Amino acid sequence: MDLTNDSVLLRQYAEDRSDEAFAALVRRHINLVYSVALRCVGATLRISENAAQKRLRRAMERCHRVVTPQVP
């Protein structure tokens, strides 16, 4: 199990577009995102899965907005 915290993974993805960091974040949070999508969409499983994937993709596209530069 990867013990790197989410903020480190988010920074790695925002700065380097690290596939490993992205995959770790998705593994950690996909079930939560999916369950929220299922409740909100209230439709078929497939529609909820699509909604969850779109939300994760959008969050990762915008991650640079929440990552602040490290101060030495």
N, C-alpha and C. Protein backbone atom coordinates (compact mmCIF):
# COMPACT_ATOMS: atom_id res chain seq x y z
N MET A 1 0.84 -1.19 0.00
CA MET A 1 0.00 0.00 0.00
C MET A 1 0.88 1.25 0.00
N ASP A 2 0.52 2.21 -0.83
CA ASP A 2 1.26 3.46 -0.94
C ASP A 2 0.83 4.39 0.18
N LEU A 3 1.78 4.82 0.99
CA LEU A 3 1.46 5.68 2.13
C LEU A 3 1.68 7.15 1.85
N THR A 4 2.03 7.51 0.63
CA THR A 4 2.21 8.90 0.27
C THR A 4 0.88 9.62 0.43
N ASN A 5 0.91 10.80 1.07
CA ASN A 5 -0.36 11.46 1.30
C ASN A 5 -0.87 12.14 0.03
N ASP A 6 -2.15 12.46 0.04
CA ASP A 6 -2.81 12.99 -1.15
C ASP A 6 -2.20 14.30 -1.63
N SER A 7 -1.79 15.16 -0.72
CA SER A 7 -1.24 16.44 -1.15
C SER A 7 0.06 16.26 -1.93
N VAL A 8 0.87 15.29 -1.53
CA VAL A 8 2.11 15.00 -2.25
C VAL A 8 1.78 14.43 -3.63
N LEU A 9 0.84 13.52 -3.69
CA LEU A 9 0.45 12.93 -4.97
C LEU A 9 -0.15 13.99 -5.90
N LEU A 10 -0.97 14.86 -5.35
CA LEU A 10 -1.58 15.92 -6.15
C LEU A 10 -0.51 16.85 -6.71
N ARG A 11 0.47 17.18 -5.90
CA ARG A 11 1.56 18.04 -6.37
C ARG A 11 2.36 17.33 -7.47
N GLN A 12 2.63 16.05 -7.28
CA GLN A 12 3.36 15.30 -8.31
C GLN A 12 2.60 15.31 -9.63
N TYR A 13 1.29 15.13 -9.54
CA TYR A 13 0.50 15.12 -10.77
C TYR A 13 0.45 16.52 -11.39
N ALA A 14 0.23 17.54 -10.58
CA ALA A 14 0.11 18.90 -11.10
C ALA A 14 1.41 19.38 -11.74
N GLU A 15 2.52 19.05 -11.13
CA GLU A 15 3.81 19.55 -11.63
C GLU A 15 4.41 18.69 -12.73
N ASP A 16 4.26 17.37 -12.61
CA ASP A 16 4.95 16.45 -13.52
C ASP A 16 4.02 15.60 -14.38
N ARG A 17 2.71 15.74 -14.15
CA ARG A 17 1.72 14.88 -14.83
C ARG A 17 2.06 13.40 -14.63
N SER A 18 2.41 13.08 -13.40
CA SER A 18 2.80 11.72 -13.04
C SER A 18 1.62 10.76 -13.16
N ASP A 19 1.75 9.77 -14.03
CA ASP A 19 0.71 8.75 -14.18
C ASP A 19 0.54 7.94 -12.90
N GLU A 20 1.65 7.69 -12.21
CA GLU A 20 1.59 6.91 -10.97
C GLU A 20 0.83 7.67 -9.89
N ALA A 21 1.07 8.97 -9.79
CA ALA A 21 0.36 9.77 -8.80
C ALA A 21 -1.13 9.81 -9.11
N PHE A 22 -1.47 9.99 -10.39
CA PHE A 22 -2.86 10.02 -10.80
C PHE A 22 -3.55 8.70 -10.47
N ALA A 23 -2.89 7.60 -10.80
CA ALA A 23 -3.47 6.28 -10.53
C ALA A 23 -3.69 6.05 -9.04
N ALA A 24 -2.75 6.48 -8.22
CA ALA A 24 -2.89 6.31 -6.77
C ALA A 24 -4.07 7.13 -6.24
N LEU A 25 -4.22 8.35 -6.72
CA LEU A 25 -5.35 9.19 -6.29
C LEU A 25 -6.68 8.58 -6.72
N VAL A 26 -6.74 8.08 -7.93
CA VAL A 26 -7.98 7.46 -8.40
C VAL A 26 -8.30 6.23 -7.57
N ARG A 27 -7.32 5.37 -7.33
CA ARG A 27 -7.56 4.17 -6.52
C ARG A 27 -8.11 4.54 -5.15
N ARG A 28 -7.58 5.59 -4.56
CA ARG A 28 -8.01 5.98 -3.21
C ARG A 28 -9.41 6.56 -3.17
N HIS A 29 -9.81 7.25 -4.22
CA HIS A 29 -11.04 8.04 -4.13
C HIS A 29 -12.16 7.63 -5.07
N ILE A 30 -11.93 6.67 -5.95
CA ILE A 30 -12.95 6.32 -6.93
C ILE A 30 -14.23 5.81 -6.28
N ASN A 31 -14.14 5.04 -5.22
CA ASN A 31 -15.35 4.51 -4.59
C ASN A 31 -16.21 5.62 -4.00
N LEU A 32 -15.58 6.59 -3.38
CA LEU A 32 -16.32 7.72 -2.82
C LEU A 32 -16.97 8.54 -3.93
N VAL A 33 -16.20 8.86 -4.95
CA VAL A 33 -16.72 9.65 -6.07
C VAL A 33 -17.86 8.90 -6.76
N TYR A 34 -17.68 7.63 -6.94
CA TYR A 34 -18.72 6.82 -7.58
C TYR A 34 -19.99 6.78 -6.73
N SER A 35 -19.87 6.59 -5.44
CA SER A 35 -21.06 6.50 -4.60
C SER A 35 -21.82 7.82 -4.56
N VAL A 36 -21.10 8.94 -4.57
CA VAL A 36 -21.76 10.25 -4.62
C VAL A 36 -22.47 10.42 -5.96
N ALA A 37 -21.80 10.03 -7.05
CA ALA A 37 -22.41 10.14 -8.38
C ALA A 37 -23.66 9.28 -8.46
N LEU A 38 -23.62 8.10 -7.90
CA LEU A 38 -24.77 7.20 -7.93
C LEU A 38 -25.95 7.82 -7.19
N ARG A 39 -25.69 8.44 -6.05
CA ARG A 39 -26.77 9.09 -5.29
C ARG A 39 -27.31 10.32 -6.00
N CYS A 40 -26.41 11.11 -6.57
CA CYS A 40 -26.82 12.36 -7.22
C CYS A 40 -27.53 12.12 -8.55
N VAL A 41 -26.99 11.24 -9.35
CA VAL A 41 -27.56 10.98 -10.67
C VAL A 41 -28.82 10.13 -10.53
N GLY A 42 -28.77 9.18 -9.63
CA GLY A 42 -29.94 8.34 -9.38
C GLY A 42 -30.40 7.57 -10.61
N ALA A 43 -29.48 7.25 -11.47
CA ALA A 43 -29.84 6.56 -12.71
C ALA A 43 -29.17 5.19 -12.72
N THR A 44 -28.87 4.73 -13.90
CA THR A 44 -28.25 3.42 -14.05
C THR A 44 -26.82 3.44 -13.55
N LEU A 45 -26.30 2.27 -13.30
CA LEU A 45 -24.91 2.15 -12.86
C LEU A 45 -23.96 2.73 -13.90
N ARG A 46 -24.24 2.49 -15.17
CA ARG A 46 -23.36 2.96 -16.23
C ARG A 46 -23.31 4.49 -16.28
N ILE A 47 -24.45 5.13 -16.12
CA ILE A 47 -24.49 6.59 -16.12
C ILE A 47 -23.73 7.13 -14.92
N SER A 48 -23.87 6.49 -13.78
CA SER A 48 -23.16 6.91 -12.57
C SER A 48 -21.65 6.73 -12.74
N GLU A 49 -21.24 5.63 -13.35
CA GLU A 49 -19.81 5.42 -13.61
C GLU A 49 -19.27 6.51 -14.52
N ASN A 50 -20.01 6.85 -15.56
CA ASN A 50 -19.57 7.91 -16.47
C ASN A 50 -19.46 9.25 -15.74
N ALA A 51 -20.45 9.54 -14.89
CA ALA A 51 -20.43 10.79 -14.13
C ALA A 51 -19.22 10.83 -13.20
N ALA A 52 -18.91 9.73 -12.54
CA ALA A 52 -17.76 9.66 -11.64
C ALA A 52 -16.46 9.88 -12.41
N GLN A 53 -16.33 9.25 -13.56
CA GLN A 53 -15.12 9.42 -14.36
C GLN A 53 -14.96 10.86 -14.83
N LYS A 54 -16.06 11.48 -15.23
CA LYS A 54 -16.00 12.88 -15.68
C LYS A 54 -15.59 13.80 -14.54
N ARG A 55 -16.11 13.55 -13.34
CA ARG A 55 -15.76 14.38 -12.18
C ARG A 55 -14.29 14.23 -11.83
N LEU A 56 -13.79 13.01 -11.84
CA LEU A 56 -12.37 12.80 -11.54
C LEU A 56 -11.49 13.47 -12.59
N ARG A 57 -11.84 13.32 -13.84
CA ARG A 57 -11.06 13.93 -14.91
C ARG A 57 -11.05 15.45 -14.76
N ARG A 58 -12.20 16.02 -14.48
CA ARG A 58 -12.29 17.47 -14.32
C ARG A 58 -11.48 17.95 -13.11
N ALA A 59 -11.55 17.21 -12.03
CA ALA A 59 -10.77 17.57 -10.83
C ALA A 59 -9.28 17.56 -11.13
N MET A 60 -8.84 16.56 -11.86
CA MET A 60 -7.42 16.47 -12.17
C MET A 60 -6.99 17.55 -13.16
N GLU A 61 -7.88 17.94 -14.06
CA GLU A 61 -7.56 19.02 -14.98
C GLU A 61 -7.38 20.34 -14.24
N ARG A 62 -8.07 20.48 -13.13
CA ARG A 62 -8.03 21.73 -12.37
C ARG A 62 -7.11 21.67 -11.15
N CYS A 63 -6.40 20.59 -10.96
CA CYS A 63 -5.60 20.42 -9.74
C CYS A 63 -4.53 21.49 -9.60
N HIS A 64 -4.04 22.03 -10.69
CA HIS A 64 -3.00 23.05 -10.58
C HIS A 64 -3.51 24.29 -9.84
N ARG A 65 -4.80 24.47 -9.77
CA ARG A 65 -5.37 25.63 -9.07
C ARG A 65 -5.24 25.53 -7.54
N VAL A 66 -5.19 24.32 -7.04
CA VAL A 66 -5.11 24.15 -5.59
C VAL A 66 -3.71 23.84 -5.08
N VAL A 67 -2.82 23.56 -6.00
CA VAL A 67 -1.43 23.27 -5.63
C VAL A 67 -0.66 24.57 -5.62
N THR A 68 -0.15 24.91 -4.46
CA THR A 68 0.62 26.15 -4.34
C THR A 68 2.10 25.84 -4.37
N PRO A 69 2.90 26.74 -4.87
CA PRO A 69 4.35 26.50 -4.93
C PRO A 69 4.93 26.26 -3.53
N GLN A 70 5.88 25.36 -3.45
CA GLN A 70 6.55 25.11 -2.18
C GLN A 70 7.53 26.22 -1.91
N VAL A 71 7.56 26.67 -0.67
CA VAL A 71 8.52 27.70 -0.26
C VAL A 71 9.70 27.00 0.39
N PRO A 72 10.93 27.29 -0.10
CA PRO A 72 12.10 26.59 0.47
C PRO A 72 12.37 26.96 1.92
